[in-house]
Every structure is written in C-alpha cells, then in structure tokens.
Amino acid sequence: MRYRLLKHLAEQPQASQRQLYEVLGVSVGSLNDCVNALIERGWVKVTNFRNSHHKLAYAYLLTPSGIEAKTRIAVRFLQRKLEEHEALAQEIAQLRHPWTNALPNPGTAGSASC
C-alpha cells in the first residue's frame, strides 16, 4: 500500500483522505497510520490550502526523499515481479517438456482410430 499511496500523492497531492481511502480501498484508520508513517519518515509534507469551497484543506507533498523512496520501492517491486516471471516461465517449460510429444496436434484431435 505504501507505494500506491506515494504514487497517488505524487499524482494528486490535493486529494482528500476520503478520496485516498476510496481509491486505495483501505480503511480510514489504515490510511491515517500509513500517511503518518510517511510523514514521520520525512517522505511526505503536509501543507494547508483553501479549496474551491473556501474550506481549509490539506495537500500531501512528496519530499525529495519521498520521491527517492517511491522510486526504490517501484524498482524492488519490478525486480521481484521479473524474478517471479522468470521462475514461472522455467516451471512452465519444465512442465511442458515431458508432455511435448504426448500432446495431440491441434489438427488431429479426436481423429485417432482404435
């Protein structure tokens, strides 16, 4: 969730907490905990502004270290997924190998005579 939250805040820093928890599909409490953790790490800075209804609202701005963290998290995620993809490709190849000659040709399925 941390990466998704950082990504969303980078794209829409003026999103309300309601918008954030709806988009991320988490509870308000979980969202608050995560936002507070990002603030404590120095990855997000909160600023006040007046929205279109002249109400006080908050903007969640990624700090330079927050931008770096988002990039690091994305790179680790991509590396992990590429490793999983390679492992699955090898497993599929191993599963196919013994069956390659035993599988019917698509054009001859059902035409064997007994």
PDB file of N, CA and C in Angstrom:
ATOM      1  N   MET A   1       0.826  -1.191   0.000  1.00  0.00           N
ATOM      2  CA  MET A   1       0.000   0.000   0.000  1.00  0.00           C
ATOM      3  C   MET A   1       0.873   1.259   0.000  1.00  0.00           C
ATOM      4  N   ARG A   2       2.050   1.159   0.591  1.00  0.00           N
ATOM      5  CA  ARG A   2       2.911   2.337   0.704  1.00  0.00           C
ATOM      6  C   ARG A   2       3.231   2.919  -0.672  1.00  0.00           C
ATOM      7  N   TYR A   3       3.604   2.045  -1.627  1.00  0.00           N
ATOM      8  CA  TYR A   3       3.932   2.544  -2.968  1.00  0.00           C
ATOM      9  C   TYR A   3       2.707   3.164  -3.627  1.00  0.00           C
ATOM     10  N   ARG A   4       1.561   2.490  -3.536  1.00  0.00           N
ATOM     11  CA  ARG A   4       0.345   3.017  -4.166  1.00  0.00           C
ATOM     12  C   ARG A   4      -0.022   4.382  -3.588  1.00  0.00           C
ATOM     13  N   LEU A   5       0.155   4.539  -2.280  1.00  0.00           N
ATOM     14  CA  LEU A   5      -0.145   5.825  -1.645  1.00  0.00           C
ATOM     15  C   LEU A   5       0.839   6.896  -2.115  1.00  0.00           C
ATOM     16  N   LEU A   6       2.129   6.579  -2.131  1.00  0.00           N
ATOM     17  CA  LEU A   6       3.117   7.551  -2.610  1.00  0.00           C
ATOM     18  C   LEU A   6       2.843   7.939  -4.058  1.00  0.00           C
ATOM     19  N   LYS A   7       2.518   6.963  -4.881  1.00  0.00           N
ATOM     20  CA  LYS A   7       2.234   7.223  -6.298  1.00  0.00           C
ATOM     21  C   LYS A   7       1.020   8.141  -6.437  1.00  0.00           C
ATOM     22  N   HIS A   8      -0.027   7.841  -5.683  1.00  0.00           N
ATOM     23  CA  HIS A   8      -1.248   8.644  -5.769  1.00  0.00           C
ATOM     24  C   HIS A   8      -1.006  10.070  -5.262  1.00  0.00           C
ATOM     25  N   LEU A   9      -0.253  10.199  -4.182  1.00  0.00           N
ATOM     26  CA  LEU A   9       0.038  11.535  -3.656  1.00  0.00           C
ATOM     27  C   LEU A   9       0.902  12.334  -4.624  1.00  0.00           C
ATOM     28  N   ALA A  10       1.806  11.667  -5.326  1.00  0.00           N
ATOM     29  CA  ALA A  10       2.634  12.363  -6.319  1.00  0.00           C
ATOM     30  C   ALA A  10       1.772  12.883  -7.462  1.00  0.00           C
ATOM     31  N   GLU A  11       0.753  12.103  -7.833  1.00  0.00           N
ATOM     32  CA  GLU A  11      -0.116  12.481  -8.951  1.00  0.00           C
ATOM     33  C   GLU A  11      -1.197  13.474  -8.537  1.00  0.00           C
ATOM     34  N   GLN A  12      -1.712  13.336  -7.306  1.00  0.00           N
ATOM     35  CA  GLN A  12      -2.803  14.191  -6.835  1.00  0.00           C
ATOM     36  C   GLN A  12      -2.552  14.618  -5.391  1.00  0.00           C
ATOM     37  N   PRO A  13      -1.647  15.559  -5.177  1.00  0.00           N
ATOM     38  CA  PRO A  13      -1.305  15.941  -3.803  1.00  0.00           C
ATOM     39  C   PRO A  13      -2.459  16.569  -3.026  1.00  0.00           C
ATOM     40  N   GLN A  14      -3.464  17.096  -3.720  1.00  0.00           N
ATOM     41  CA  GLN A  14      -4.578  17.738  -3.025  1.00  0.00           C
ATOM     42  C   GLN A  14      -5.759  16.793  -2.808  1.00  0.00           C
ATOM     43  N   ALA A  15      -5.546  15.502  -3.029  1.00  0.00           N
ATOM     44  CA  ALA A  15      -6.622  14.535  -2.802  1.00  0.00           C
ATOM     45  C   ALA A  15      -6.985  14.523  -1.321  1.00  0.00           C
ATOM     46  N   SER A  16      -8.273  14.424  -1.052  1.00  0.00           N
ATOM     47  CA  SER A  16      -8.722  14.350   0.338  1.00  0.00           C
ATOM     48  C   SER A  16      -8.482  12.936   0.863  1.00  0.00           C
ATOM     49  N   GLN A  17      -8.527  12.811   2.184  1.00  0.00           N
ATOM     50  CA  GLN A  17      -8.364  11.473   2.752  1.00  0.00           C
ATOM     51  C   GLN A  17      -9.506  10.565   2.308  1.00  0.00           C
ATOM     52  N   ARG A  18     -10.688  11.110   2.148  1.00  0.00           N
ATOM     53  CA  ARG A  18     -11.813  10.313   1.656  1.00  0.00           C
ATOM     54  C   ARG A  18     -11.499   9.764   0.261  1.00  0.00           C
ATOM     55  N   GLN A  19     -10.992  10.625  -0.618  1.00  0.00           N
ATOM     56  CA  GLN A  19     -10.628  10.173  -1.964  1.00  0.00           C
ATOM     57  C   GLN A  19      -9.531   9.122  -1.898  1.00  0.00           C
ATOM     58  N   LEU A  20      -8.571   9.333  -1.018  1.00  0.00           N
ATOM     59  CA  LEU A  20      -7.459   8.393  -0.912  1.00  0.00           C
ATOM     60  C   LEU A  20      -7.927   7.021  -0.455  1.00  0.00           C
ATOM     61  N   TYR A  21      -8.741   6.965   0.601  1.00  0.00           N
ATOM     62  CA  TYR A  21      -9.133   5.636   1.067  1.00  0.00           C
ATOM     63  C   TYR A  21     -10.094   4.964   0.099  1.00  0.00           C
ATOM     64  N   GLU A  22     -10.870   5.740  -0.657  1.00  0.00           N
ATOM     65  CA  GLU A  22     -11.733   5.129  -1.672  1.00  0.00           C
ATOM     66  C   GLU A  22     -10.906   4.557  -2.819  1.00  0.00           C
ATOM     67  N   VAL A  23      -9.916   5.306  -3.278  1.00  0.00           N
ATOM     68  CA  VAL A  23      -9.071   4.854  -4.389  1.00  0.00           C
ATOM     69  C   VAL A  23      -8.220   3.657  -3.973  1.00  0.00           C
ATOM     70  N   LEU A  24      -7.672   3.711  -2.766  1.00  0.00           N
ATOM     71  CA  LEU A  24      -6.770   2.662  -2.317  1.00  0.00           C
ATOM     72  C   LEU A  24      -7.505   1.458  -1.744  1.00  0.00           C
ATOM     73  N   GLY A  25      -8.769   1.626  -1.416  1.00  0.00           N
ATOM     74  CA  GLY A  25      -9.554   0.510  -0.897  1.00  0.00           C
ATOM     75  C   GLY A  25      -9.136   0.067   0.496  1.00  0.00           C
ATOM     76  N   VAL A  26      -8.789   1.015   1.339  1.00  0.00           N
ATOM     77  CA  VAL A  26      -8.386   0.699   2.707  1.00  0.00           C
ATOM     78  C   VAL A  26      -9.267   1.472   3.678  1.00  0.00           C
ATOM     79  N   SER A  27      -9.194   1.093   4.939  1.00  0.00           N
ATOM     80  CA  SER A  27      -9.973   1.803   5.953  1.00  0.00           C
ATOM     81  C   SER A  27      -9.330   3.154   6.242  1.00  0.00           C
ATOM     82  N   VAL A  28     -10.119   4.044   6.809  1.00  0.00           N
ATOM     83  CA  VAL A  28      -9.619   5.366   7.172  1.00  0.00           C
ATOM     84  C   VAL A  28      -8.479   5.235   8.183  1.00  0.00           C
ATOM     85  N   GLY A  29      -8.635   4.338   9.134  1.00  0.00           N
ATOM     86  CA  GLY A  29      -7.597   4.139  10.149  1.00  0.00           C
ATOM     87  C   GLY A  29      -6.284   3.670   9.542  1.00  0.00           C
ATOM     88  N   SER A  30      -6.357   2.704   8.630  1.00  0.00           N
ATOM     89  CA  SER A  30      -5.142   2.213   7.963  1.00  0.00           C
ATOM     90  C   SER A  30      -4.489   3.314   7.150  1.00  0.00           C
ATOM     91  N   LEU A  31      -5.312   4.091   6.466  1.00  0.00           N
ATOM     92  CA  LEU A  31      -4.783   5.191   5.664  1.00  0.00           C
ATOM     93  C   LEU A  31      -4.079   6.210   6.559  1.00  0.00           C
ATOM     94  N   ASN A  32      -4.714   6.586   7.668  1.00  0.00           N
ATOM     95  CA  ASN A  32      -4.102   7.552   8.591  1.00  0.00           C
ATOM     96  C   ASN A  32      -2.775   7.035   9.132  1.00  0.00           C
ATOM     97  N   ASP A  33      -2.738   5.756   9.502  1.00  0.00           N
ATOM     98  CA  ASP A  33      -1.498   5.172  10.005  1.00  0.00           C
ATOM     99  C   ASP A  33      -0.394   5.251   8.956  1.00  0.00           C
ATOM    100  N   CYS A  34      -0.734   4.922   7.722  1.00  0.00           N
ATOM    101  CA  CYS A  34       0.253   4.930   6.644  1.00  0.00           C
ATOM    102  C   CYS A  34       0.718   6.354   6.335  1.00  0.00           C
ATOM    103  N   VAL A  35      -0.221   7.290   6.254  1.00  0.00           N
ATOM    104  CA  VAL A  35       0.141   8.689   5.989  1.00  0.00           C
ATOM    105  C   VAL A  35       1.043   9.207   7.107  1.00  0.00           C
ATOM    106  N   ASN A  36       0.684   8.923   8.353  1.00  0.00           N
ATOM    107  CA  ASN A  36       1.506   9.380   9.480  1.00  0.00           C
ATOM    108  C   ASN A  36       2.901   8.764   9.444  1.00  0.00           C
ATOM    109  N   ALA A  37       2.994   7.499   9.055  1.00  0.00           N
ATOM    110  CA  ALA A  37       4.304   6.847   8.942  1.00  0.00           C
ATOM    111  C   ALA A  37       5.146   7.513   7.854  1.00  0.00           C
ATOM    112  N   LEU A  38       4.515   7.872   6.737  1.00  0.00           N
ATOM    113  CA  LEU A  38       5.243   8.547   5.653  1.00  0.00           C
ATOM    114  C   LEU A  38       5.712   9.931   6.089  1.00  0.00           C
ATOM    115  N   ILE A  39       4.883  10.609   6.870  1.00  0.00           N
ATOM    116  CA  ILE A  39       5.256  11.932   7.392  1.00  0.00           C
ATOM    117  C   ILE A  39       6.435  11.792   8.357  1.00  0.00           C
ATOM    118  N   GLU A  40       6.361  10.800   9.261  1.00  0.00           N
ATOM    119  CA  GLU A  40       7.437  10.582  10.234  1.00  0.00           C
ATOM    120  C   GLU A  40       8.755  10.242   9.550  1.00  0.00           C
ATOM    121  N   ARG A  41       8.696   9.517   8.443  1.00  0.00           N
ATOM    122  CA  ARG A  41       9.912   9.167   7.697  1.00  0.00           C
ATOM    123  C   ARG A  41      10.462  10.356   6.915  1.00  0.00           C
ATOM    124  N   GLY A  42       9.672  11.408   6.817  1.00  0.00           N
ATOM    125  CA  GLY A  42      10.101  12.575   6.061  1.00  0.00           C
ATOM    126  C   GLY A  42       9.858  12.440   4.569  1.00  0.00           C
ATOM    127  N   TRP A  43       8.989  11.516   4.175  1.00  0.00           N
ATOM    128  CA  TRP A  43       8.700  11.282   2.758  1.00  0.00           C
ATOM    129  C   TRP A  43       7.552  12.150   2.265  1.00  0.00           C
ATOM    130  N   VAL A  44       6.706  12.608   3.185  1.00  0.00           N
ATOM    131  CA  VAL A  44       5.543  13.425   2.828  1.00  0.00           C
ATOM    132  C   VAL A  44       5.499  14.632   3.755  1.00  0.00           C
ATOM    133  N   LYS A  45       5.174  15.773   3.166  1.00  0.00           N
ATOM    134  CA  LYS A  45       4.991  17.012   3.923  1.00  0.00           C
ATOM    135  C   LYS A  45       3.543  17.443   3.726  1.00  0.00           C
ATOM    136  N   VAL A  46       2.900  17.867   4.795  1.00  0.00           N
ATOM    137  CA  VAL A  46       1.503  18.297   4.728  1.00  0.00           C
ATOM    138  C   VAL A  46       1.464  19.817   4.771  1.00  0.00           C
ATOM    139  N   THR A  47       0.728  20.398   3.827  1.00  0.00           N
ATOM    140  CA  THR A  47       0.539  21.851   3.820  1.00  0.00           C
ATOM    141  C   THR A  47      -0.952  22.151   3.756  1.00  0.00           C
ATOM    142  N   ASN A  48      -1.332  23.310   4.264  1.00  0.00           N
ATOM    143  CA  ASN A  48      -2.732  23.745   4.223  1.00  0.00           C
ATOM    144  C   ASN A  48      -2.970  24.605   2.991  1.00  0.00           C
ATOM    145  N   PHE A  49      -4.190  24.538   2.472  1.00  0.00           N
ATOM    146  CA  PHE A  49      -4.599  25.443   1.398  1.00  0.00           C
ATOM    147  C   PHE A  49      -6.110  25.597   1.475  1.00  0.00           C
ATOM    148  N   ARG A  50      -6.627  26.580   0.784  1.00  0.00           N
ATOM    149  CA  ARG A  50      -8.080  26.781   0.717  1.00  0.00           C
ATOM    150  C   ARG A  50      -8.578  26.136  -0.562  1.00  0.00           C
ATOM    151  N   ASN A  51      -9.559  25.242  -0.420  1.00  0.00           N
ATOM    152  CA  ASN A  51     -10.087  24.584  -1.617  1.00  0.00           C
ATOM    153  C   ASN A  51     -11.145  25.458  -2.289  1.00  0.00           C
ATOM    154  N   SER A  52     -11.784  24.933  -3.316  1.00  0.00           N
ATOM    155  CA  SER A  52     -12.742  25.727  -4.094  1.00  0.00           C
ATOM    156  C   SER A  52     -13.961  26.160  -3.273  1.00  0.00           C
ATOM    157  N   HIS A  53     -14.222  25.471  -2.168  1.00  0.00           N
ATOM    158  CA  HIS A  53     -15.349  25.842  -1.305  1.00  0.00           C
ATOM    159  C   HIS A  53     -14.874  26.739  -0.157  1.00  0.00           C
ATOM    160  N   HIS A  54     -13.662  27.240  -0.278  1.00  0.00           N
ATOM    161  CA  HIS A  54     -13.049  28.124   0.715  1.00  0.00           C
ATOM    162  C   HIS A  54     -12.917  27.462   2.081  1.00  0.00           C
ATOM    163  N   LYS A  55     -12.857  26.144   2.078  1.00  0.00           N
ATOM    164  CA  LYS A  55     -12.597  25.413   3.310  1.00  0.00           C
ATOM    165  C   LYS A  55     -11.106  25.121   3.383  1.00  0.00           C
ATOM    166  N   LEU A  56     -10.630  24.983   4.603  1.00  0.00           N
ATOM    167  CA  LEU A  56      -9.238  24.617   4.788  1.00  0.00           C
ATOM    168  C   LEU A  56      -9.068  23.148   4.411  1.00  0.00           C
ATOM    169  N   ALA A  57      -8.106  22.870   3.574  1.00  0.00           N
ATOM    170  CA  ALA A  57      -7.838  21.501   3.149  1.00  0.00           C
ATOM    171  C   ALA A  57      -6.333  21.268   3.240  1.00  0.00           C
ATOM    172  N   TYR A  58      -5.920  20.049   2.954  1.00  0.00           N
ATOM    173  CA  TYR A  58      -4.515  19.685   3.049  1.00  0.00           C
ATOM    174  C   TYR A  58      -3.994  19.212   1.705  1.00  0.00           C
ATOM    175  N   ALA A  59      -2.733  19.505   1.471  1.00  0.00           N
ATOM    176  CA  ALA A  59      -2.028  18.948   0.319  1.00  0.00           C
ATOM    177  C   ALA A  59      -0.906  18.086   0.878  1.00  0.00           C
ATOM    178  N   TYR A  60      -0.778  16.892   0.335  1.00  0.00           N
ATOM    179  CA  TYR A  60       0.256  15.952   0.760  1.00  0.00           C
ATOM    180  C   TYR A  60       1.340  15.951  -0.311  1.00  0.00           C
ATOM    181  N   LEU A  61       2.461  16.586  -0.003  1.00  0.00           N
ATOM    182  CA  LEU A  61       3.526  16.751  -0.986  1.00  0.00           C
ATOM    183  C   LEU A  61       4.659  15.774  -0.708  1.00  0.00           C
ATOM    184  N   LEU A  62       5.100  15.082  -1.740  1.00  0.00           N
ATOM    185  CA  LEU A  62       6.253  14.213  -1.589  1.00  0.00           C
ATOM    186  C   LEU A  62       7.508  15.065  -1.469  1.00  0.00           C
ATOM    187  N   THR A  63       8.315  14.742  -0.502  1.00  0.00           N
ATOM    188  CA  THR A  63       9.602  15.412  -0.334  1.00  0.00           C
ATOM    189  C   THR A  63      10.601  14.755  -1.289  1.00  0.00           C
ATOM    190  N   PRO A  64      11.771  15.345  -1.469  1.00  0.00           N
ATOM    191  CA  PRO A  64      12.777  14.678  -2.306  1.00  0.00           C
ATOM    192  C   PRO A  64      13.077  13.251  -1.838  1.00  0.00           C
ATOM    193  N   SER A  65      13.143  13.040  -0.526  1.00  0.00           N
ATOM    194  CA  SER A  65      13.385  11.672  -0.041  1.00  0.00           C
ATOM    195  C   SER A  65      12.170  10.784  -0.288  1.00  0.00           C
ATOM    196  N   GLY A  66      10.976  11.354  -0.307  1.00  0.00           N
ATOM    197  CA  GLY A  66       9.775  10.589  -0.640  1.00  0.00           C
ATOM    198  C   GLY A  66       9.770  10.156  -2.092  1.00  0.00           C
ATOM    199  N   ILE A  67      10.240  11.035  -2.965  1.00  0.00           N
ATOM    200  CA  ILE A  67      10.334  10.694  -4.391  1.00  0.00           C
ATOM    201  C   ILE A  67      11.359   9.580  -4.584  1.00  0.00           C
ATOM    202  N   GLU A  68      12.493   9.679  -3.886  1.00  0.00           N
ATOM    203  CA  GLU A  68      13.506   8.621  -3.959  1.00  0.00           C
ATOM    204  C   GLU A  68      12.954   7.302  -3.431  1.00  0.00           C
ATOM    205  N   ALA A  69      12.230   7.354  -2.329  1.00  0.00           N
ATOM    206  CA  ALA A  69      11.654   6.140  -1.747  1.00  0.00           C
ATOM    207  C   ALA A  69      10.659   5.504  -2.705  1.00  0.00           C
ATOM    208  N   LYS A  70       9.825   6.314  -3.325  1.00  0.00           N
ATOM    209  CA  LYS A  70       8.847   5.790  -4.288  1.00  0.00           C
ATOM    210  C   LYS A  70       9.565   5.075  -5.426  1.00  0.00           C
ATOM    211  N   THR A  71      10.641   5.652  -5.905  1.00  0.00           N
ATOM    212  CA  THR A  71      11.417   5.043  -6.987  1.00  0.00           C
ATOM    213  C   THR A  71      12.050   3.733  -6.529  1.00  0.00           C
ATOM    214  N   ARG A  72      12.658   3.730  -5.337  1.00  0.00           N
ATOM    215  CA  ARG A  72      13.278   2.500  -4.815  1.00  0.00           C
ATOM    216  C   ARG A  72      12.253   1.389  -4.659  1.00  0.00           C
ATOM    217  N   ILE A  73      11.096   1.722  -4.117  1.00  0.00           N
ATOM    218  CA  ILE A  73      10.046   0.721  -3.912  1.00  0.00           C
ATOM    219  C   ILE A  73       9.585   0.168  -5.255  1.00  0.00           C
ATOM    220  N   ALA A  74       9.423   1.037  -6.244  1.00  0.00           N
ATOM    221  CA  ALA A  74       8.987   0.599  -7.573  1.00  0.00           C
ATOM    222  C   ALA A  74      10.027  -0.313  -8.211  1.00  0.00           C
ATOM    223  N   VAL A  75      11.300   0.023  -8.074  1.00  0.00           N
ATOM    224  CA  VAL A  75      12.367  -0.805  -8.654  1.00  0.00           C
ATOM    225  C   VAL A  75      12.389  -2.176  -7.990  1.00  0.00           C
ATOM    226  N   ARG A  76      12.294  -2.220  -6.656  1.00  0.00           N
ATOM    227  CA  ARG A  76      12.276  -3.513  -5.949  1.00  0.00           C
ATOM    228  C   ARG A  76      11.079  -4.345  -6.371  1.00  0.00           C
ATOM    229  N   PHE A  77       9.919  -3.710  -6.495  1.00  0.00           N
ATOM    230  CA  PHE A  77       8.713  -4.415  -6.908  1.00  0.00           C
ATOM    231  C   PHE A  77       8.894  -4.999  -8.306  1.00  0.00           C
ATOM    232  N   LEU A  78       9.419  -4.194  -9.220  1.00  0.00           N
ATOM    233  CA  LEU A  78       9.637  -4.659 -10.588  1.00  0.00           C
ATOM    234  C   LEU A  78      10.635  -5.811 -10.623  1.00  0.00           C
ATOM    235  N   GLN A  79      11.721  -5.711  -9.870  1.00  0.00           N
ATOM    236  CA  GLN A  79      12.703  -6.794  -9.825  1.00  0.00           C
ATOM    237  C   GLN A  79      12.073  -8.082  -9.311  1.00  0.00           C
ATOM    238  N   ARG A  80      11.282  -7.973  -8.255  1.00  0.00           N
ATOM    239  CA  ARG A  80      10.628  -9.152  -7.682  1.00  0.00           C
ATOM    240  C   ARG A  80       9.676  -9.787  -8.688  1.00  0.00           C
ATOM    241  N   LYS A  81       8.901  -8.961  -9.389  1.00  0.00           N
ATOM    242  CA  LYS A  81       7.952  -9.489 -10.370  1.00  0.00           C
ATOM    243  C   LYS A  81       8.672 -10.121 -11.559  1.00  0.00           C
ATOM    244  N   LEU A  82       9.801  -9.533 -11.988  1.00  0.00           N
ATOM    245  CA  LEU A  82      10.571 -10.124 -13.082  1.00  0.00           C
ATOM    246  C   LEU A  82      11.155 -11.473 -12.672  1.00  0.00           C
ATOM    247  N   GLU A  83      11.634 -11.580 -11.432  1.00  0.00           N
ATOM    248  CA  GLU A  83      12.140 -12.859 -10.928  1.00  0.00           C
ATOM    249  C   GLU A  83      11.019 -13.893 -10.865  1.00  0.00           C
ATOM    250  N   GLU A  84       9.843 -13.490 -10.403  1.00  0.00           N
ATOM    251  CA  GLU A  84       8.700 -14.401 -10.363  1.00  0.00           C
ATOM    252  C   GLU A  84       8.321 -14.838 -11.769  1.00  0.00           C
ATOM    253  N   HIS A  85       8.350 -13.915 -12.712  1.00  0.00           N
ATOM    254  CA  HIS A  85       8.015 -14.233 -14.102  1.00  0.00           C
ATOM    255  C   HIS A  85       8.998 -15.252 -14.661  1.00  0.00           C
ATOM    256  N   GLU A  86      10.283 -15.050 -14.418  1.00  0.00           N
ATOM    257  CA  GLU A  86      11.306 -15.979 -14.909  1.00  0.00           C
ATOM    258  C   GLU A  86      11.126 -17.359 -14.281  1.00  0.00           C
ATOM    259  N   ALA A  87      10.864 -17.402 -12.973  1.00  0.00           N
ATOM    260  CA  ALA A  87      10.648 -18.682 -12.295  1.00  0.00           C
ATOM    261  C   ALA A  87       9.425 -19.396 -12.864  1.00  0.00           C
ATOM    262  N   LEU A  88       8.358 -18.662 -13.121  1.00  0.00           N
ATOM    263  CA  LEU A  88       7.160 -19.269 -13.709  1.00  0.00           C
ATOM    264  C   LEU A  88       7.425 -19.767 -15.121  1.00  0.00           C
ATOM    265  N   ALA A  89       8.169 -19.000 -15.902  1.00  0.00           N
ATOM    266  CA  ALA A  89       8.494 -19.423 -17.268  1.00  0.00           C
ATOM    267  C   ALA A  89       9.300 -20.717 -17.243  1.00  0.00           C
ATOM    268  N   GLN A  90      10.252 -20.833 -16.318  1.00  0.00           N
ATOM    269  CA  GLN A  90      11.035 -22.064 -16.199  1.00  0.00           C
ATOM    270  C   GLN A  90      10.159 -23.230 -15.763  1.00  0.00           C
ATOM    271  N   GLU A  91       9.277 -22.989 -14.824  1.00  0.00           N
ATOM    272  CA  GLU A  91       8.387 -24.047 -14.345  1.00  0.00           C
ATOM    273  C   GLU A  91       7.458 -24.520 -15.454  1.00  0.00           C
ATOM    274  N   ILE A  92       6.930 -23.598 -16.231  1.00  0.00           N
ATOM    275  CA  ILE A  92       6.060 -23.959 -17.356  1.00  0.00           C
ATOM    276  C   ILE A  92       6.841 -24.773 -18.376  1.00  0.00           C
ATOM    277  N   ALA A  93       8.064 -24.357 -18.672  1.00  0.00           N
ATOM    278  CA  ALA A  93       8.890 -25.098 -19.631  1.00  0.00           C
ATOM    279  C   ALA A  93       9.158 -26.512 -19.131  1.00  0.00           C
ATOM    280  N   GLN A  94       9.426 -26.665 -17.838  1.00  0.00           N
ATOM    281  CA  GLN A  94       9.665 -27.992 -17.273  1.00  0.00           C
ATOM    282  C   GLN A  94       8.408 -28.847 -17.318  1.00  0.00           C
ATOM    283  N   LEU A  95       7.267 -28.248 -17.065  1.00  0.00           N
ATOM    284  CA  LEU A  95       6.013 -28.999 -17.113  1.00  0.00           C
ATOM    285  C   LEU A  95       5.662 -29.405 -18.538  1.00  0.00           C
ATOM    286  N   ARG A  96       5.971 -28.575 -19.491  1.00  0.00           N
ATOM    287  CA  ARG A  96       5.661 -28.880 -20.886  1.00  0.00           C
ATOM    288  C   ARG A  96       6.577 -29.945 -21.461  1.00  0.00           C
ATOM    289  N   HIS A  97       7.836 -29.953 -21.053  1.00  0.00           N
ATOM    290  CA  HIS A  97       8.843 -30.812 -21.674  1.00  0.00           C
ATOM    291  C   HIS A  97       8.433 -32.283 -21.745  1.00  0.00           C
ATOM    292  N   PRO A  98       8.067 -32.931 -20.643  1.00  0.00           N
ATOM    293  CA  PRO A  98       7.737 -34.361 -20.760  1.00  0.00           C
ATOM    294  C   PRO A  98       6.467 -34.617 -21.575  1.00  0.00           C
ATOM    295  N   TRP A  99       5.638 -33.620 -21.705  1.00  0.00           N
ATOM    296  CA  TRP A  99       4.362 -33.811 -22.385  1.00  0.00           C
ATOM    297  C   TRP A  99       4.388 -33.380 -23.848  1.00  0.00           C
ATOM    298  N   THR A 100       5.467 -32.799 -24.291  1.00  0.00           N
ATOM    299  CA  THR A 100       5.514 -32.238 -25.636  1.00  0.00           C
ATOM    300  C   THR A 100       5.124 -33.256 -26.692  1.00  0.00           C
ATOM    301  N   ASN A 101       5.674 -34.471 -26.632  1.00  0.00           N
ATOM    302  CA  ASN A 101       5.370 -35.493 -27.639  1.00  0.00           C
ATOM    303  C   ASN A 101       4.038 -36.186 -27.378  1.00  0.00           C
ATOM    304  N   ALA A 102       3.550 -36.122 -26.163  1.00  0.00           N
ATOM    305  CA  ALA A 102       2.304 -36.809 -25.825  1.00  0.00           C
ATOM    306  C   ALA A 102       1.069 -35.984 -26.146  1.00  0.00           C
ATOM    307  N   LEU A 103       1.219 -34.680 -26.308  1.00  0.00           N
ATOM    308  CA  LEU A 103       0.063 -33.830 -26.589  1.00  0.00           C
ATOM    309  C   LEU A 103      -0.384 -34.017 -28.030  1.00  0.00           C
ATOM    310  N   PRO A 104      -1.689 -34.090 -28.267  1.00  0.00           N
ATOM    311  CA  PRO A 104      -2.174 -34.236 -29.646  1.00  0.00           C
ATOM    312  C   PRO A 104      -1.938 -32.956 -30.435  1.00  0.00           C
ATOM    313  N   ASN A 105      -1.738 -33.102 -31.708  1.00  0.00           N
ATOM    314  CA  ASN A 105      -1.650 -31.940 -32.580  1.00  0.00           C
ATOM    315  C   ASN A 105      -3.035 -31.342 -32.687  1.00  0.00           C
ATOM    316  N   PRO A 106      -3.154 -30.031 -32.727  1.00  0.00           N
ATOM    317  CA  PRO A 106      -4.483 -29.408 -32.768  1.00  0.00           C
ATOM    318  C   PRO A 106      -5.321 -29.884 -33.948  1.00  0.00           C
ATOM    319  N   GLY A 107      -4.706 -30.185 -35.081  1.00  0.00           N
ATOM    320  CA  GLY A 107      -5.462 -30.604 -36.260  1.00  0.00           C
ATOM    321  C   GLY A 107      -5.891 -32.054 -36.236  1.00  0.00           C
ATOM    322  N   THR A 108      -5.329 -32.856 -35.326  1.00  0.00           N
ATOM    323  CA  THR A 108      -5.650 -34.283 -35.311  1.00  0.00           C
ATOM    324  C   THR A 108      -6.408 -34.707 -34.072  1.00  0.00           C
ATOM    325  N   ALA A 109      -6.804 -33.780 -33.259  1.00  0.00           N
ATOM    326  CA  ALA A 109      -7.520 -34.120 -32.026  1.00  0.00           C
ATOM    327  C   ALA A 109      -8.808 -34.843 -32.358  1.00  0.00           C
ATOM    328  N   GLY A 110      -8.994 -35.970 -31.700  1.00  0.00           N
ATOM    329  CA  GLY A 110     -10.227 -36.732 -31.879  1.00  0.00           C
ATOM    330  C   GLY A 110     -10.257 -37.595 -33.128  1.00  0.00           C
ATOM    331  N   SER A 111      -9.185 -37.629 -33.920  1.00  0.00           N
ATOM    332  CA  SER A 111      -9.228 -38.408 -35.150  1.00  0.00           C
ATOM    333  C   SER A 111      -8.514 -39.744 -35.027  1.00  0.00           C
ATOM    334  N   ALA A 112      -8.040 -40.076 -33.837  1.00  0.00           N
ATOM    335  CA  ALA A 112      -7.350 -41.356 -33.672  1.00  0.00           C
ATOM    336  C   ALA A 112      -8.352 -42.496 -33.747  1.00  0.00           C
ATOM    337  N   SER A 113      -7.943 -43.567 -34.402  1.00  0.00           N
ATOM    338  CA  SER A 113      -8.837 -44.729 -34.502  1.00  0.00           C
ATOM    339  C   SER A 113      -8.369 -45.802 -33.552  1.00  0.00           C
ATOM    340  N   CYS A 114      -9.311 -46.537 -32.985  1.00  0.00           N
ATOM    341  CA  CYS A 114      -8.995 -47.610 -32.049  1.00  0.00           C
ATOM    342  C   CYS A 114      -9.279 -48.942 -32.663  1.00  0.00           C
TER     343      CYS A 114
END
